[in-house]
Amino acid sequence: MAAPRLRSLPRNVTDVTRVLACVDGSVQNLQVSSDVGSVQLEHTTPIREFFSWPGKRNYEGLYWSSTNRRHVEFESLLEREYLLAADNASDIVAIAAQPLALLWPRDTRGNRDHVADFFVRLANGDGRLVDVRSAKGAEKHAEQSALTRRVCDEIGWDYEVFTGLHPELAHNLRWLAGYRHDRSAPPTEVAESIEHCFAAPLPLQLGLDEASSRTGQSIELTTAHVLHLIWRRTLSTDMTRPLSMSSEVWA
């Protein structure tokens, strides 16, 4: 049974930073050290409640992650944009929202604690803690980010402050994300035929026509398959430019 999410965080009365994380249904209170790096934070539940109230300016919701095979919570559209990028990243194998709270030592000025936005597990086994901030927010919270980075260095994690994607990349990922689900995935033999069609770079429309003809499938189904393979990075295209039917795609 999962532990209830915290509505408020306890005060740290010690002289060292503490880590709160909900692991295996119970909240653990750990001293910052390299030992924390062995905790599987990708399997934690959010450490605190996601609050909502009438007139709240942030948009919150659930994002279905093709990496996790389940929903991940977010509290803003910028957090959703991060999830989109992380879900598409080839080096990320698991994502957790609000995985921990950092309780600063009792003599720390300003905020007493900080709840990180995301933790991701990398393909090489390393961990990365992520805070999502607008450009102005990143500047405003620079001191807090510096404290968090020092904690991550001590534990052995990467640390990232995400401030948003390039507009063209964000637009392309939103389009491709519509095909991230397994229902758009082609069978193995169909995928091989599609990859053969794009062995040399082809405009997307031309490649779709050729793949549809080769596989005997409708152009609509072929389009879903091809866009899924681009999302999965089996096929490639220039994601820094607007994706269109004239975009070159290659295997």
Foldseek 3Di string as FASTA:
>chain_A
DAAAAAADDDAAAAQFKWKWFGDPRRIDIGTQALVVQVGPLLPTAANHDQDDDPPDPADKDWDCALLANGTAIDTHVQRVLVSLVLSLDPFWRGKHAQGIKMQHHPPDPDDRIGGFGMKTATPVGAIETEHEDAPVRCVVCVVVLVVVCVSCVRNVHHYYYHHHDDVLLSVLSVVLVVLQDPVLADPPVLVVLLQVLQQDWDQQLVSLVVSCVVVVHDSVSSVSHVSNCCSNVVKDWPSVHHRDSRTIIHD
